[in-house]
Amino acid sequence: MTEDLDDWMDTEIIVALAMVDIGMSKPRDALTDADTKKIMHYIGQWANEYDFVHPYSPRLGLFAIGIMLTVCLLEFPEYYQKHELAQFN
């Protein structure tokens, strides 16, 4: 199973690519909460999985939300904790 991980991308690279795609050139330590939110939303859209509750209102699906939360936890733990993104059920 670990040999399959060779094809995976590091979360730091995912964030860097998202920042380039949205034209954000700030250093990581200068990012605001709004910047982090924009990056995470872009990554969710990049996951390319939508639920169509209404034909004209696509919403990010569970896979996309999972990717957003995982990347946020690994790359922006302060933001994750500040906005209480963990849900203990």
N, C-alpha and C. Protein backbone atom coordinates (compact mmCIF):
# COMPACT_ATOMS: atom_id res chain seq x y z
N MET A 1 0.83 -1.20 0.00
CA MET A 1 0.00 0.00 0.00
C MET A 1 0.87 1.26 0.00
N THR A 2 1.99 1.26 0.69
CA THR A 2 2.80 2.47 0.76
C THR A 2 3.39 2.86 -0.58
N GLU A 3 3.58 1.90 -1.49
CA GLU A 3 4.10 2.27 -2.80
C GLU A 3 3.12 3.15 -3.57
N ASP A 4 1.85 3.07 -3.25
CA ASP A 4 0.85 3.92 -3.88
C ASP A 4 1.02 5.38 -3.48
N LEU A 5 1.65 5.64 -2.36
CA LEU A 5 1.81 7.01 -1.87
C LEU A 5 2.81 7.81 -2.70
N ASP A 6 3.58 7.14 -3.54
CA ASP A 6 4.52 7.85 -4.40
C ASP A 6 3.82 8.79 -5.37
N ASP A 7 2.56 8.50 -5.69
CA ASP A 7 1.80 9.32 -6.62
C ASP A 7 1.03 10.45 -5.94
N TRP A 8 1.07 10.52 -4.62
CA TRP A 8 0.33 11.53 -3.88
C TRP A 8 1.13 12.82 -3.79
N MET A 9 0.42 13.91 -3.62
CA MET A 9 1.05 15.22 -3.52
C MET A 9 1.10 15.65 -2.06
N ASP A 10 2.19 16.25 -1.67
CA ASP A 10 2.33 16.78 -0.32
C ASP A 10 1.36 17.96 -0.15
N THR A 11 0.79 18.10 1.04
CA THR A 11 -0.19 19.18 1.26
C THR A 11 0.43 20.55 1.08
N GLU A 12 1.70 20.69 1.38
CA GLU A 12 2.37 21.98 1.18
C GLU A 12 2.38 22.36 -0.30
N ILE A 13 2.56 21.37 -1.16
CA ILE A 13 2.55 21.61 -2.60
C ILE A 13 1.14 21.96 -3.07
N ILE A 14 0.15 21.30 -2.51
CA ILE A 14 -1.25 21.60 -2.88
C ILE A 14 -1.57 23.05 -2.56
N VAL A 15 -1.17 23.51 -1.39
CA VAL A 15 -1.43 24.90 -0.99
C VAL A 15 -0.66 25.86 -1.91
N ALA A 16 0.60 25.54 -2.19
CA ALA A 16 1.41 26.41 -3.06
C ALA A 16 0.79 26.51 -4.46
N LEU A 17 0.33 25.40 -5.01
CA LEU A 17 -0.30 25.42 -6.33
C LEU A 17 -1.60 26.22 -6.32
N ALA A 18 -2.37 26.06 -5.25
CA ALA A 18 -3.63 26.82 -5.14
C ALA A 18 -3.33 28.31 -5.08
N MET A 19 -2.31 28.69 -4.32
CA MET A 19 -1.95 30.10 -4.21
C MET A 19 -1.52 30.67 -5.56
N VAL A 20 -0.76 29.91 -6.32
CA VAL A 20 -0.35 30.36 -7.65
C VAL A 20 -1.57 30.51 -8.55
N ASP A 21 -2.45 29.52 -8.52
CA ASP A 21 -3.64 29.56 -9.39
C ASP A 21 -4.55 30.75 -9.10
N ILE A 22 -4.66 31.13 -7.84
CA ILE A 22 -5.55 32.26 -7.52
C ILE A 22 -4.79 33.59 -7.48
N GLY A 23 -3.50 33.55 -7.81
CA GLY A 23 -2.72 34.78 -7.91
C GLY A 23 -2.32 35.38 -6.58
N MET A 24 -2.16 34.55 -5.57
CA MET A 24 -1.79 35.03 -4.25
C MET A 24 -0.28 34.85 -4.07
N SER A 25 0.41 35.96 -3.85
CA SER A 25 1.88 35.90 -3.78
C SER A 25 2.42 36.27 -2.40
N LYS A 26 1.58 36.25 -1.40
CA LYS A 26 2.02 36.57 -0.04
C LYS A 26 2.83 35.42 0.53
N PRO A 27 3.76 35.73 1.45
CA PRO A 27 4.41 34.64 2.17
C PRO A 27 3.40 33.95 3.10
N ARG A 28 3.64 32.70 3.39
CA ARG A 28 2.69 31.92 4.19
C ARG A 28 2.42 32.55 5.56
N ASP A 29 3.42 33.14 6.18
CA ASP A 29 3.22 33.72 7.51
C ASP A 29 2.46 35.04 7.48
N ALA A 30 2.20 35.58 6.29
CA ALA A 30 1.46 36.84 6.17
C ALA A 30 0.00 36.61 5.75
N LEU A 31 -0.42 35.37 5.63
CA LEU A 31 -1.78 35.08 5.20
C LEU A 31 -2.79 35.43 6.29
N THR A 32 -3.87 36.06 5.89
CA THR A 32 -4.96 36.38 6.81
C THR A 32 -5.95 35.22 6.82
N ASP A 33 -6.93 35.29 7.72
CA ASP A 33 -7.97 34.26 7.74
C ASP A 33 -8.74 34.25 6.43
N ALA A 34 -8.98 35.41 5.85
CA ALA A 34 -9.69 35.49 4.57
C ALA A 34 -8.88 34.82 3.46
N ASP A 35 -7.56 34.98 3.49
CA ASP A 35 -6.70 34.33 2.50
C ASP A 35 -6.77 32.81 2.64
N THR A 36 -6.68 32.35 3.89
CA THR A 36 -6.74 30.90 4.15
C THR A 36 -8.08 30.34 3.68
N LYS A 37 -9.15 31.06 3.96
CA LYS A 37 -10.48 30.61 3.54
C LYS A 37 -10.56 30.52 2.01
N LYS A 38 -10.00 31.50 1.34
CA LYS A 38 -10.01 31.52 -0.12
C LYS A 38 -9.21 30.33 -0.68
N ILE A 39 -8.07 30.06 -0.09
CA ILE A 39 -7.24 28.93 -0.52
C ILE A 39 -7.97 27.61 -0.31
N MET A 40 -8.57 27.44 0.86
CA MET A 40 -9.28 26.19 1.16
C MET A 40 -10.47 25.99 0.24
N HIS A 41 -11.20 27.05 -0.03
CA HIS A 41 -12.35 26.95 -0.93
C HIS A 41 -11.88 26.56 -2.34
N TYR A 42 -10.79 27.14 -2.78
CA TYR A 42 -10.26 26.81 -4.10
C TYR A 42 -9.85 25.33 -4.16
N ILE A 43 -9.21 24.85 -3.10
CA ILE A 43 -8.82 23.44 -3.05
C ILE A 43 -10.05 22.54 -3.09
N GLY A 44 -11.11 22.94 -2.41
CA GLY A 44 -12.36 22.17 -2.46
C GLY A 44 -12.93 22.11 -3.87
N GLN A 45 -12.88 23.22 -4.58
CA GLN A 45 -13.35 23.23 -5.96
C GLN A 45 -12.44 22.40 -6.85
N TRP A 46 -11.16 22.42 -6.55
CA TRP A 46 -10.16 21.66 -7.29
C TRP A 46 -10.39 20.16 -7.14
N ALA A 47 -10.98 19.74 -6.03
CA ALA A 47 -11.27 18.33 -5.79
C ALA A 47 -12.29 17.80 -6.79
N ASN A 48 -12.99 18.72 -7.45
CA ASN A 48 -13.87 18.37 -8.57
C ASN A 48 -14.97 17.38 -8.20
N GLU A 49 -15.63 17.62 -7.10
CA GLU A 49 -16.74 16.78 -6.69
C GLU A 49 -17.84 17.66 -6.13
N TYR A 50 -18.95 17.68 -6.78
CA TYR A 50 -20.07 18.53 -6.39
C TYR A 50 -21.32 17.70 -6.16
N ASP A 51 -22.16 18.15 -5.25
CA ASP A 51 -23.50 17.61 -5.08
C ASP A 51 -24.45 18.65 -5.65
N PHE A 52 -25.36 18.22 -6.50
CA PHE A 52 -26.32 19.14 -7.09
C PHE A 52 -27.66 18.99 -6.38
N VAL A 53 -27.83 19.78 -5.33
CA VAL A 53 -29.07 19.77 -4.57
C VAL A 53 -30.17 20.39 -5.42
N HIS A 54 -29.81 21.42 -6.14
CA HIS A 54 -30.70 22.12 -7.06
C HIS A 54 -29.90 22.27 -8.35
N PRO A 55 -30.55 22.15 -9.51
CA PRO A 55 -29.78 22.20 -10.77
C PRO A 55 -28.87 23.40 -10.93
N TYR A 56 -29.21 24.52 -10.35
CA TYR A 56 -28.40 25.74 -10.50
C TYR A 56 -27.62 26.09 -9.26
N SER A 57 -27.54 25.17 -8.31
CA SER A 57 -26.87 25.45 -7.04
C SER A 57 -25.96 24.28 -6.65
N PRO A 58 -24.79 24.16 -7.31
CA PRO A 58 -23.90 23.07 -6.92
C PRO A 58 -23.24 23.35 -5.57
N ARG A 59 -23.07 22.31 -4.80
CA ARG A 59 -22.40 22.42 -3.50
C ARG A 59 -21.26 21.42 -3.47
N LEU A 60 -20.21 21.77 -2.74
CA LEU A 60 -19.09 20.85 -2.61
C LEU A 60 -19.56 19.58 -1.90
N GLY A 61 -19.12 18.43 -2.41
CA GLY A 61 -19.50 17.16 -1.82
C GLY A 61 -18.61 16.78 -0.65
N LEU A 62 -18.88 15.61 -0.06
CA LEU A 62 -18.16 15.17 1.13
C LEU A 62 -16.67 14.95 0.87
N PHE A 63 -16.31 14.44 -0.30
CA PHE A 63 -14.89 14.24 -0.61
C PHE A 63 -14.16 15.57 -0.64
N ALA A 64 -14.74 16.55 -1.31
CA ALA A 64 -14.12 17.88 -1.41
C ALA A 64 -13.99 18.52 -0.03
N ILE A 65 -15.01 18.40 0.79
CA ILE A 65 -14.96 18.96 2.14
C ILE A 65 -13.90 18.25 2.97
N GLY A 66 -13.78 16.95 2.80
CA GLY A 66 -12.76 16.19 3.51
C GLY A 66 -11.35 16.63 3.12
N ILE A 67 -11.13 16.88 1.83
CA ILE A 67 -9.83 17.35 1.36
C ILE A 67 -9.54 18.73 1.97
N MET A 68 -10.53 19.61 1.93
CA MET A 68 -10.35 20.95 2.49
C MET A 68 -9.98 20.89 3.97
N LEU A 69 -10.70 20.10 4.74
CA LEU A 69 -10.44 20.01 6.17
C LEU A 69 -9.10 19.38 6.48
N THR A 70 -8.73 18.35 5.72
CA THR A 70 -7.45 17.68 5.94
C THR A 70 -6.29 18.61 5.64
N VAL A 71 -6.34 19.28 4.50
CA VAL A 71 -5.26 20.20 4.14
C VAL A 71 -5.20 21.36 5.14
N CYS A 72 -6.34 21.85 5.54
CA CYS A 72 -6.39 22.96 6.50
C CYS A 72 -5.76 22.53 7.83
N LEU A 73 -6.11 21.34 8.31
CA LEU A 73 -5.55 20.85 9.57
C LEU A 73 -4.04 20.70 9.50
N LEU A 74 -3.55 20.17 8.38
CA LEU A 74 -2.11 19.92 8.26
C LEU A 74 -1.30 21.17 7.97
N GLU A 75 -1.87 22.11 7.23
CA GLU A 75 -1.11 23.30 6.82
C GLU A 75 -1.43 24.55 7.61
N PHE A 76 -2.64 24.66 8.14
CA PHE A 76 -3.05 25.85 8.90
C PHE A 76 -3.74 25.43 10.20
N PRO A 77 -3.01 24.75 11.10
CA PRO A 77 -3.66 24.24 12.32
C PRO A 77 -4.25 25.33 13.22
N GLU A 78 -3.64 26.53 13.22
CA GLU A 78 -4.18 27.61 14.05
C GLU A 78 -5.56 28.05 13.53
N TYR A 79 -5.69 28.14 12.21
CA TYR A 79 -6.98 28.50 11.60
C TYR A 79 -8.02 27.42 11.91
N TYR A 80 -7.61 26.17 11.77
CA TYR A 80 -8.50 25.03 12.03
C TYR A 80 -9.03 25.07 13.45
N GLN A 81 -8.13 25.33 14.40
CA GLN A 81 -8.53 25.38 15.80
C GLN A 81 -9.35 26.63 16.10
N LYS A 82 -8.92 27.78 15.58
CA LYS A 82 -9.60 29.05 15.84
C LYS A 82 -11.06 29.01 15.41
N HIS A 83 -11.31 28.38 14.27
CA HIS A 83 -12.68 28.34 13.72
C HIS A 83 -13.42 27.06 14.08
N GLU A 84 -12.83 26.28 15.00
CA GLU A 84 -13.46 25.07 15.54
C GLU A 84 -14.00 24.16 14.44
N LEU A 85 -13.12 23.80 13.51
CA LEU A 85 -13.52 22.98 12.37
C LEU A 85 -13.64 21.51 12.69
N ALA A 86 -13.12 21.07 13.82
CA ALA A 86 -13.26 19.68 14.24
C ALA A 86 -14.63 19.48 14.86
N GLN A 87 -15.26 18.37 14.50
CA GLN A 87 -16.56 18.04 15.08
C GLN A 87 -16.45 16.65 15.69
N PHE A 88 -16.63 16.58 16.96
CA PHE A 88 -16.55 15.30 17.65
C PHE A 88 -17.95 14.76 17.82
N ASN A 89 -18.22 13.66 17.15
CA ASN A 89 -19.58 13.06 17.22
C ASN A 89 -19.57 11.83 18.08
